[in-house]
Amino acid sequence: MNISKKNLFCLLCLPLLSTLLSGCWDDRELSELGITSGSAYDWEDNQWKATYQVINPSSGASNTGGTGGGSTSSPPFVTFTVKGRTIMEAVEKTNLTSTRQMFFSHSRITVLGESLARHGVNQLIDMFLRKQDARETVYVFIAKDEAGDILDQLMQLTKNQGAGIQLMIEQESRLVSYYPGTRMFELAMALSSESGSAILPEILLTGPEVMDETQETGRTDLQTRLALGRLGVLKGEKLVGWLSQKQAFGLSFMTDKIKTATIAFPSKPESDEKPDASFVLQKSRTTVQPKWEKDHYVIDIHIKGSGVLAELGSVMDLNERASITEMEHTLEQQVLELVDNSWKEVRKLGADVTGFAIKIHRSDRKRFKQIRKDKSWDRVFQEIEIRPHVSMEIERTGLSNKSFESVHEK
């Protein structure tokens, strides 16, 4: 077989070209990295106060929340707290106290202290969107006191506390629906949208002191645990107030964030009894329709849901359609009260966490353009009237058509 001189030259050059290839120019050994699972930021003395939670490789098979056979004396993570005039200056100061360089690509959460949230979060968002190894997908929380204290608290049933908090908010969003989990890029999108407002779930310590010693996790019940509390409301870049748990639940209905939820209600409201029945809402759909009426916007909010009766504490025969209808009406009133209570507080705070501005912009572009030009959205928002319409359907009543109370009475 004849090979041309040109092809022969190319074949001879291939081995030579391979010598020019080299490894990654910025490679770093795993033993040189401090892999962060969470971060927290406070504002103190006009400086950034940053706390980083770093996975402790020496904990090995520590059985903190697991069944490994390693020693429990070594904590699953360590924390570093530093200060700086900028965030990156604070990050670089960790090199003065740690043998490993901070590596943020595996971070799960970040916690903002109330001091920072009231100062402003724009610079922090900018850093997360700009820094190469920062994750814009981290879940963001807000803490009433020192955010750094949250990262010191150990959790049972998990070695990685950052991953544990992530699982906690994901489970809550899926099963309870009080607080929608907010990632950093979602926070950035909400604050830069027409509404200019956002919400962040509060993470708090339920006890008097931080449980930061590894042996404490061997107890059946910790004196202090991490829990989700209220809902922080941001307008512009600053925290302006809080919504209670019930108000947060009502907001979830208004913004179509309900996935699965449980509603406690009185099965016989005419008797003024306390809630004795539970309804598991399995399907929920909310549609929002804004329209201009005379001199203000009216928002029709249509909420439609269905689910199953999971608990009943009164004497009742569920074979009677009237009984089911009565409970459905009670459920609808419960949701209406949640929505009304939430809207009153949201309007009081003047922060459009409902996303009404986005809906109005899409449906009435010309008028919204003028509102934006006049910079009158705050006034328009205060004058909005909402008209919620709720329809709830009990599709199934479980395995029995009578309550046990009915059987017990006999």
Protein backbone atom coordinates (compact mmCIF):
# COMPACT_ATOMS: atom_id res chain seq x y z
CA MET A 1 0.00 0.00 0.00
CA ASN A 2 1.41 3.35 -1.08
CA ILE A 3 1.41 6.16 1.46
CA SER A 4 1.94 9.69 0.26
CA LYS A 5 4.68 11.81 1.82
CA LYS A 6 2.04 14.15 3.24
CA ASN A 7 0.15 11.38 5.06
CA LEU A 8 3.41 9.89 6.31
CA PHE A 9 4.42 13.26 7.73
CA CYS A 10 1.09 13.54 9.58
CA LEU A 11 1.48 10.07 11.10
CA LEU A 12 4.96 10.91 12.34
CA CYS A 13 3.75 14.20 13.88
CA LEU A 14 0.94 12.64 15.95
CA PRO A 15 3.25 11.17 18.65
CA LEU A 16 5.09 14.47 18.85
CA LEU A 17 1.87 16.45 19.30
CA SER A 18 0.79 14.23 22.19
CA THR A 19 3.82 15.42 24.17
CA LEU A 20 2.37 18.93 24.17
CA LEU A 21 -0.67 17.77 26.15
CA SER A 22 -0.51 18.41 29.88
CA GLY A 23 -2.73 17.89 32.89
CA CYS A 24 -5.22 20.40 34.29
CA TRP A 25 -3.46 23.69 34.90
CA ASP A 26 -5.46 24.42 38.04
CA ASP A 27 -5.70 20.93 39.52
CA ARG A 28 -5.84 20.63 43.30
CA GLU A 29 -5.42 17.53 45.42
CA LEU A 30 -8.43 16.44 47.48
CA SER A 31 -6.25 16.46 50.59
CA GLU A 32 -5.66 20.20 50.04
CA LEU A 33 -9.35 21.17 49.95
CA GLY A 34 -11.77 22.07 52.71
CA ILE A 35 -15.08 20.89 51.24
CA THR A 36 -17.82 23.17 52.57
CA SER A 37 -21.31 21.81 53.12
CA GLY A 38 -22.79 25.10 54.29
CA SER A 39 -22.08 28.78 54.85
CA ALA A 40 -23.54 31.55 56.98
CA TYR A 41 -23.22 35.31 56.76
CA ASP A 42 -23.80 38.06 59.33
CA TRP A 43 -23.17 41.81 59.32
CA GLU A 44 -21.20 42.96 62.33
CA ASP A 45 -19.25 46.18 62.97
CA ASN A 46 -19.73 47.21 59.32
CA GLN A 47 -17.99 44.04 58.19
CA TRP A 48 -18.93 40.71 56.71
CA LYS A 49 -18.84 37.93 59.26
CA ALA A 50 -18.70 34.60 57.45
CA THR A 51 -18.95 31.11 58.93
CA TYR A 52 -18.09 28.03 56.88
CA GLN A 53 -18.98 24.47 57.72
CA VAL A 54 -16.28 22.13 56.43
CA ILE A 55 -16.59 18.34 56.24
CA ASN A 56 -14.11 16.74 58.63
CA PRO A 57 -12.29 13.91 56.80
CA SER A 58 -10.85 12.57 60.05
CA SER A 59 -14.33 11.71 61.34
CA GLY A 60 -14.25 8.78 58.91
CA ALA A 61 -16.91 6.26 59.73
CA SER A 62 -18.19 8.20 62.69
CA ASN A 63 -21.61 6.90 63.61
CA THR A 64 -23.18 10.31 64.05
CA GLY A 65 -26.63 9.47 62.81
CA GLY A 66 -25.38 6.25 61.21
CA THR A 67 -24.25 2.76 62.09
CA GLY A 68 -20.55 2.96 61.32
CA GLY A 69 -18.02 1.60 63.72
CA GLY A 70 -15.73 4.61 63.89
CA SER A 71 -15.04 6.84 66.84
CA THR A 72 -17.71 9.35 67.81
CA SER A 73 -15.21 11.72 69.41
CA SER A 74 -14.37 13.35 66.09
CA PRO A 75 -17.13 15.69 64.82
CA PRO A 76 -18.43 15.17 61.28
CA PHE A 77 -17.65 18.79 60.44
CA VAL A 78 -15.75 21.80 61.73
CA THR A 79 -16.60 25.49 61.41
CA PHE A 80 -14.48 28.55 60.66
CA THR A 81 -15.64 32.09 61.41
CA VAL A 82 -13.84 35.03 59.80
CA LYS A 83 -14.44 38.72 59.16
CA GLY A 84 -13.64 40.95 56.21
CA ARG A 85 -14.55 44.21 54.52
CA THR A 86 -15.72 42.14 51.56
CA ILE A 87 -16.90 38.56 51.38
CA MET A 88 -13.86 37.37 49.48
CA GLU A 89 -11.53 39.07 51.94
CA ALA A 90 -13.22 37.06 54.68
CA VAL A 91 -12.93 33.86 52.64
CA GLU A 92 -9.21 34.40 52.11
CA LYS A 93 -8.72 34.85 55.85
CA THR A 94 -9.70 31.21 56.36
CA ASN A 95 -6.29 30.38 54.89
CA LEU A 96 -4.78 31.92 58.02
CA THR A 97 -6.59 29.47 60.31
CA SER A 98 -7.03 26.32 58.22
CA THR A 99 -4.69 23.86 56.56
CA ARG A 100 -7.13 23.51 53.65
CA GLN A 101 -8.42 25.88 51.00
CA MET A 102 -12.19 26.42 51.04
CA PHE A 103 -13.96 24.61 48.19
CA PHE A 104 -17.61 25.63 47.68
CA SER A 105 -18.83 23.44 44.83
CA HIS A 106 -20.46 20.95 47.20
CA SER A 107 -22.27 23.46 49.42
CA ARG A 108 -25.91 22.66 50.16
CA ILE A 109 -27.18 25.66 52.17
CA THR A 110 -26.41 29.21 53.13
CA VAL A 111 -27.90 31.06 56.11
CA LEU A 112 -28.31 34.83 56.34
CA GLY A 113 -28.42 36.53 59.71
CA GLU A 114 -31.16 39.10 60.29
CA SER A 115 -28.46 41.77 60.69
CA LEU A 116 -27.25 41.08 57.14
CA ALA A 117 -30.76 40.76 55.72
CA ARG A 118 -31.65 44.22 57.03
CA HIS A 119 -28.35 45.61 55.72
CA GLY A 120 -28.90 44.21 52.21
CA VAL A 121 -28.23 40.98 50.30
CA ASN A 122 -27.31 42.23 46.81
CA GLN A 123 -23.56 41.92 47.28
CA LEU A 124 -23.87 38.37 48.56
CA ILE A 125 -26.03 37.36 45.59
CA ASP A 126 -23.50 38.96 43.26
CA MET A 127 -20.69 36.88 44.77
CA PHE A 128 -22.64 33.62 44.40
CA LEU A 129 -23.46 34.38 40.76
CA ARG A 130 -19.94 35.58 39.95
CA LYS A 131 -17.56 33.24 41.81
CA GLN A 132 -16.59 30.22 39.75
CA ASP A 133 -16.86 27.53 42.41
CA ALA A 134 -19.85 29.03 44.27
CA ARG A 135 -23.14 27.20 43.85
CA GLU A 136 -26.15 29.32 42.90
CA THR A 137 -28.33 26.26 43.63
CA VAL A 138 -27.78 26.36 47.41
CA TYR A 139 -30.92 26.69 49.53
CA VAL A 140 -31.07 30.05 51.31
CA PHE A 141 -32.42 30.51 54.85
CA ILE A 142 -32.67 33.39 57.28
CA ALA A 143 -31.89 33.33 61.01
CA LYS A 144 -33.21 35.81 63.56
CA ASP A 145 -29.98 35.86 65.56
CA GLU A 146 -26.43 34.82 64.60
CA ALA A 147 -26.50 32.82 61.39
CA GLY A 148 -23.19 31.20 62.28
CA ASP A 149 -24.76 29.47 65.33
CA ILE A 150 -26.97 27.45 63.00
CA LEU A 151 -23.95 25.77 61.43
CA ASP A 152 -22.59 24.65 64.82
CA GLN A 153 -25.71 22.65 65.72
CA LEU A 154 -25.41 18.90 65.24
CA MET A 155 -28.30 16.89 63.81
CA GLN A 156 -29.37 13.35 64.56
CA LEU A 157 -29.85 10.80 61.76
CA THR A 158 -27.37 12.57 59.50
CA LYS A 159 -23.63 13.19 59.54
CA ASN A 160 -23.71 16.04 57.04
CA GLN A 161 -25.68 18.85 58.64
CA GLY A 162 -25.82 20.94 55.46
CA ALA A 163 -27.32 18.01 53.56
CA GLY A 164 -29.69 17.40 56.48
CA ILE A 165 -31.12 20.92 56.35
CA GLN A 166 -31.48 20.62 52.57
CA LEU A 167 -33.46 17.39 52.97
CA MET A 168 -35.58 19.05 55.68
CA ILE A 169 -36.72 21.93 53.44
CA GLU A 170 -37.26 19.63 50.46
CA GLN A 171 -39.39 17.32 52.59
CA GLU A 172 -41.35 20.24 54.03
CA SER A 173 -42.04 21.70 50.58
CA ARG A 174 -43.22 18.31 49.36
CA LEU A 175 -45.33 17.22 52.35
CA VAL A 176 -46.36 20.32 54.33
CA SER A 177 -46.20 23.25 51.87
CA TYR A 178 -45.80 26.04 54.43
CA TYR A 179 -42.49 27.24 53.02
CA PRO A 180 -41.29 26.92 49.44
CA GLY A 181 -37.57 26.11 49.37
CA THR A 182 -35.70 29.08 47.88
CA ARG A 183 -32.42 28.58 46.04
CA MET A 184 -29.93 31.39 45.51
CA PHE A 185 -30.73 31.85 41.81
CA GLU A 186 -34.47 31.90 42.65
CA LEU A 187 -33.83 34.62 45.23
CA ALA A 188 -31.95 36.61 42.59
CA MET A 189 -34.75 36.15 40.04
CA ALA A 190 -37.46 37.17 42.52
CA LEU A 191 -35.67 40.36 43.63
CA SER A 192 -34.95 41.37 40.02
CA SER A 193 -38.49 40.64 38.79
CA GLU A 194 -41.35 43.13 38.42
CA SER A 195 -42.38 42.36 42.01
CA GLY A 196 -38.95 43.14 43.45
CA SER A 197 -39.71 41.01 46.52
CA ALA A 198 -38.83 37.56 47.82
CA ILE A 199 -39.41 35.19 50.72
CA LEU A 200 -36.94 33.11 52.73
CA PRO A 201 -37.78 30.45 55.34
CA GLU A 202 -36.45 31.01 58.84
CA ILE A 203 -34.17 28.37 60.36
CA LEU A 204 -33.92 28.50 64.13
CA LEU A 205 -32.64 26.74 67.24
CA THR A 206 -35.47 25.40 69.39
CA GLY A 207 -33.51 25.15 72.63
CA PRO A 208 -31.43 27.34 74.95
CA GLU A 209 -27.98 26.35 73.73
CA VAL A 210 -26.18 24.98 70.69
CA MET A 211 -25.57 21.22 70.80
CA ASP A 212 -22.13 21.09 69.24
CA GLU A 213 -20.50 18.13 71.00
CA THR A 214 -20.55 14.84 69.12
CA GLN A 215 -21.53 12.71 72.11
CA GLU A 216 -24.77 14.69 72.42
CA THR A 217 -26.15 13.00 69.30
CA GLY A 218 -26.13 9.69 71.20
CA ARG A 219 -29.10 10.93 73.25
CA THR A 220 -32.65 9.95 72.27
CA ASP A 221 -33.77 13.59 72.34
CA LEU A 222 -31.67 16.72 71.91
CA GLN A 223 -32.43 19.74 74.08
CA THR A 224 -31.89 21.95 71.04
CA ARG A 225 -32.89 21.11 67.48
CA LEU A 226 -32.98 22.89 64.17
CA ALA A 227 -36.48 23.78 62.99
CA LEU A 228 -38.25 25.88 60.40
CA GLY A 229 -39.99 28.92 61.87
CA ARG A 230 -41.50 31.93 60.13
CA LEU A 231 -41.15 33.29 56.63
CA GLY A 232 -38.86 36.29 56.07
CA VAL A 233 -40.09 38.90 53.58
CA LEU A 234 -37.54 40.85 51.52
CA LYS A 235 -38.30 43.95 49.50
CA GLY A 236 -35.61 45.35 47.26
CA GLU A 237 -32.60 43.79 48.92
CA LYS A 238 -33.62 44.17 52.56
CA LEU A 239 -35.69 42.28 55.10
CA VAL A 240 -38.89 44.21 55.85
CA GLY A 241 -40.80 41.79 58.07
CA TRP A 242 -42.05 38.30 58.81
CA LEU A 243 -45.04 36.10 58.06
CA SER A 244 -46.24 33.61 60.65
CA GLN A 245 -46.58 29.93 59.80
CA LYS A 246 -50.31 30.30 59.09
CA GLN A 247 -49.71 33.40 56.96
CA ALA A 248 -47.01 31.51 55.06
CA PHE A 249 -49.52 28.70 54.45
CA GLY A 250 -52.03 31.19 53.06
CA LEU A 251 -49.35 32.66 50.80
CA SER A 252 -48.60 29.16 49.45
CA PHE A 253 -52.25 28.87 48.42
CA MET A 254 -52.19 32.28 46.70
CA THR A 255 -48.98 31.55 44.79
CA ASP A 256 -49.82 27.97 43.75
CA LYS A 257 -47.02 26.44 45.82
CA ILE A 258 -49.13 23.72 47.45
CA LYS A 259 -47.96 20.19 46.67
CA THR A 260 -49.33 18.16 49.58
CA ALA A 261 -50.73 19.56 52.80
CA THR A 262 -52.78 18.58 55.84
CA ILE A 263 -55.60 20.84 57.03
CA ALA A 264 -57.08 20.42 60.51
CA PHE A 265 -60.72 21.56 60.77
CA PRO A 266 -63.84 21.13 62.96
CA SER A 267 -66.09 18.49 61.41
CA LYS A 268 -69.16 20.20 62.94
CA PRO A 269 -68.47 23.94 62.95
CA GLU A 270 -71.92 24.88 64.31
CA SER A 271 -70.95 23.40 67.69
CA ASP A 272 -67.93 25.73 68.04
CA GLU A 273 -65.69 22.74 68.65
CA LYS A 274 -61.95 22.71 68.17
CA PRO A 275 -60.57 20.94 65.08
CA ASP A 276 -61.24 17.21 65.33
CA ALA A 277 -60.77 16.17 61.69
CA SER A 278 -57.87 16.15 59.24
CA PHE A 279 -57.96 16.50 55.48
CA VAL A 280 -54.94 15.56 53.35
CA LEU A 281 -54.86 17.85 50.33
CA GLN A 282 -53.35 15.80 47.50
CA LYS A 283 -54.07 18.03 44.52
CA SER A 284 -54.20 21.82 44.44
CA ARG A 285 -54.35 24.38 41.68
CA THR A 286 -54.41 28.18 41.91
CA THR A 287 -55.07 30.56 39.04
CA VAL A 288 -54.78 34.35 39.33
CA GLN A 289 -56.73 36.73 37.08
CA PRO A 290 -56.09 40.48 37.51
CA LYS A 291 -58.32 43.15 35.98
CA TRP A 292 -58.65 46.90 36.24
CA GLU A 293 -61.92 48.14 37.73
CA LYS A 294 -62.49 51.90 37.82
CA ASP A 295 -59.39 53.04 39.72
CA HIS A 296 -57.72 49.92 41.08
CA TYR A 297 -56.87 46.31 40.30
CA VAL A 298 -59.07 43.44 41.39
CA ILE A 299 -57.40 40.04 41.62
CA ASP A 300 -59.61 36.98 41.29
CA ILE A 301 -57.84 34.03 42.95
CA HIS A 302 -59.34 30.64 42.10
CA ILE A 303 -58.16 27.82 44.38
CA LYS A 304 -59.28 24.30 43.62
CA GLY A 305 -58.20 21.25 45.62
CA SER A 306 -59.04 17.65 46.34
CA GLY A 307 -57.89 14.99 48.75
CA VAL A 308 -58.81 12.41 51.34
CA LEU A 309 -60.29 12.52 54.84
CA ALA A 310 -57.60 11.11 57.15
CA GLU A 311 -59.06 11.65 60.64
CA LEU A 312 -62.51 12.12 62.16
CA GLY A 313 -63.33 12.61 65.84
CA SER A 314 -67.08 13.22 65.86
CA VAL A 315 -70.18 11.07 65.43
CA MET A 316 -70.93 11.14 61.73
CA ASP A 317 -72.24 8.86 58.98
CA LEU A 318 -70.18 9.47 55.86
CA ASN A 319 -72.70 7.61 53.71
CA GLU A 320 -74.77 10.80 53.87
CA ARG A 321 -73.71 13.23 51.16
CA ALA A 322 -74.82 16.16 53.31
CA SER A 323 -72.11 15.33 55.86
CA ILE A 324 -69.41 15.38 53.18
CA THR A 325 -70.72 18.62 51.72
CA GLU A 326 -70.73 20.28 55.14
CA MET A 327 -67.09 19.33 55.74
CA GLU A 328 -66.08 20.53 52.27
CA HIS A 329 -67.68 23.90 53.03
CA THR A 330 -65.79 24.07 56.34
CA LEU A 331 -62.52 23.34 54.53
CA GLU A 332 -63.21 26.10 52.03
CA GLN A 333 -63.80 28.57 54.86
CA GLN A 334 -60.52 27.49 56.47
CA VAL A 335 -58.57 28.20 53.28
CA LEU A 336 -60.37 31.54 52.77
CA GLU A 337 -59.35 32.62 56.27
CA LEU A 338 -55.74 31.59 55.63
CA VAL A 339 -55.61 33.58 52.39
CA ASP A 340 -57.30 36.64 53.88
CA ASN A 341 -55.02 36.70 56.93
CA SER A 342 -51.93 36.29 54.75
CA TRP A 343 -52.95 39.04 52.32
CA LYS A 344 -53.57 41.54 55.12
CA GLU A 345 -50.03 41.09 56.43
CA VAL A 346 -48.43 41.08 52.97
CA ARG A 347 -50.18 44.32 52.04
CA LYS A 348 -49.17 45.82 55.40
CA LEU A 349 -45.52 45.03 54.64
CA GLY A 350 -45.91 46.49 51.14
CA ALA A 351 -43.89 43.69 49.54
CA ASP A 352 -45.34 41.94 46.50
CA VAL A 353 -44.33 38.37 47.42
CA THR A 354 -47.61 37.29 45.79
CA GLY A 355 -46.15 37.97 42.34
CA PHE A 356 -49.15 40.11 41.37
CA ALA A 357 -46.90 42.56 39.49
CA ILE A 358 -45.75 39.76 37.20
CA LYS A 359 -49.36 38.71 36.47
CA ILE A 360 -50.44 42.30 35.81
CA HIS A 361 -47.44 42.95 33.57
CA ARG A 362 -48.35 39.94 31.43
CA SER A 363 -52.07 40.74 31.19
CA ASP A 364 -52.02 44.57 31.04
CA ARG A 365 -48.64 45.61 29.61
CA LYS A 366 -49.61 49.13 28.60
CA ARG A 367 -50.96 50.15 32.00
CA PHE A 368 -48.11 48.45 33.87
CA LYS A 369 -45.59 50.26 31.70
CA GLN A 370 -47.15 53.55 32.78
CA ILE A 371 -47.17 52.45 36.43
CA ARG A 372 -43.47 51.67 36.21
CA LYS A 373 -42.79 54.98 34.50
CA ASP A 374 -44.64 56.86 37.25
CA LYS A 375 -42.95 54.74 39.93
CA SER A 376 -46.37 54.28 41.51
CA TRP A 377 -46.40 50.50 42.00
CA ASP A 378 -46.27 50.75 45.81
CA ARG A 379 -49.47 52.82 45.80
CA VAL A 380 -51.16 50.56 43.24
CA PHE A 381 -50.22 47.48 45.27
CA GLN A 382 -51.78 48.93 48.44
CA GLU A 383 -55.05 49.50 46.57
CA ILE A 384 -55.33 45.98 45.15
CA GLU A 385 -58.51 44.13 46.10
CA ILE A 386 -58.44 40.34 46.13
CA ARG A 387 -61.43 38.06 45.58
CA PRO A 388 -60.52 34.49 46.57
CA HIS A 389 -62.74 31.63 45.38
CA VAL A 390 -62.12 28.23 46.97
CA SER A 391 -63.46 24.83 45.97
CA MET A 392 -62.48 21.75 48.01
CA GLU A 393 -63.52 18.17 47.27
CA ILE A 394 -63.26 15.18 49.60
CA GLU A 395 -62.69 12.43 47.07
CA ARG A 396 -62.25 9.57 49.55
CA THR A 397 -63.08 9.01 53.20
CA GLY A 398 -60.58 6.26 53.90
CA LEU A 399 -61.39 2.67 54.88
CA SER A 400 -64.51 3.40 56.92
CA ASN A 401 -67.75 5.26 56.26
CA LYS A 402 -68.33 5.82 59.97
CA SER A 403 -66.11 7.34 62.61
CA PHE A 404 -64.94 5.15 65.48
CA GLU A 405 -66.74 7.60 67.78
CA SER A 406 -70.01 6.50 66.12
CA VAL A 407 -69.23 2.83 66.73
CA HIS A 408 -68.05 3.50 70.29
CA GLU A 409 -71.32 5.29 71.15
CA LYS A 410 -73.29 2.13 70.44
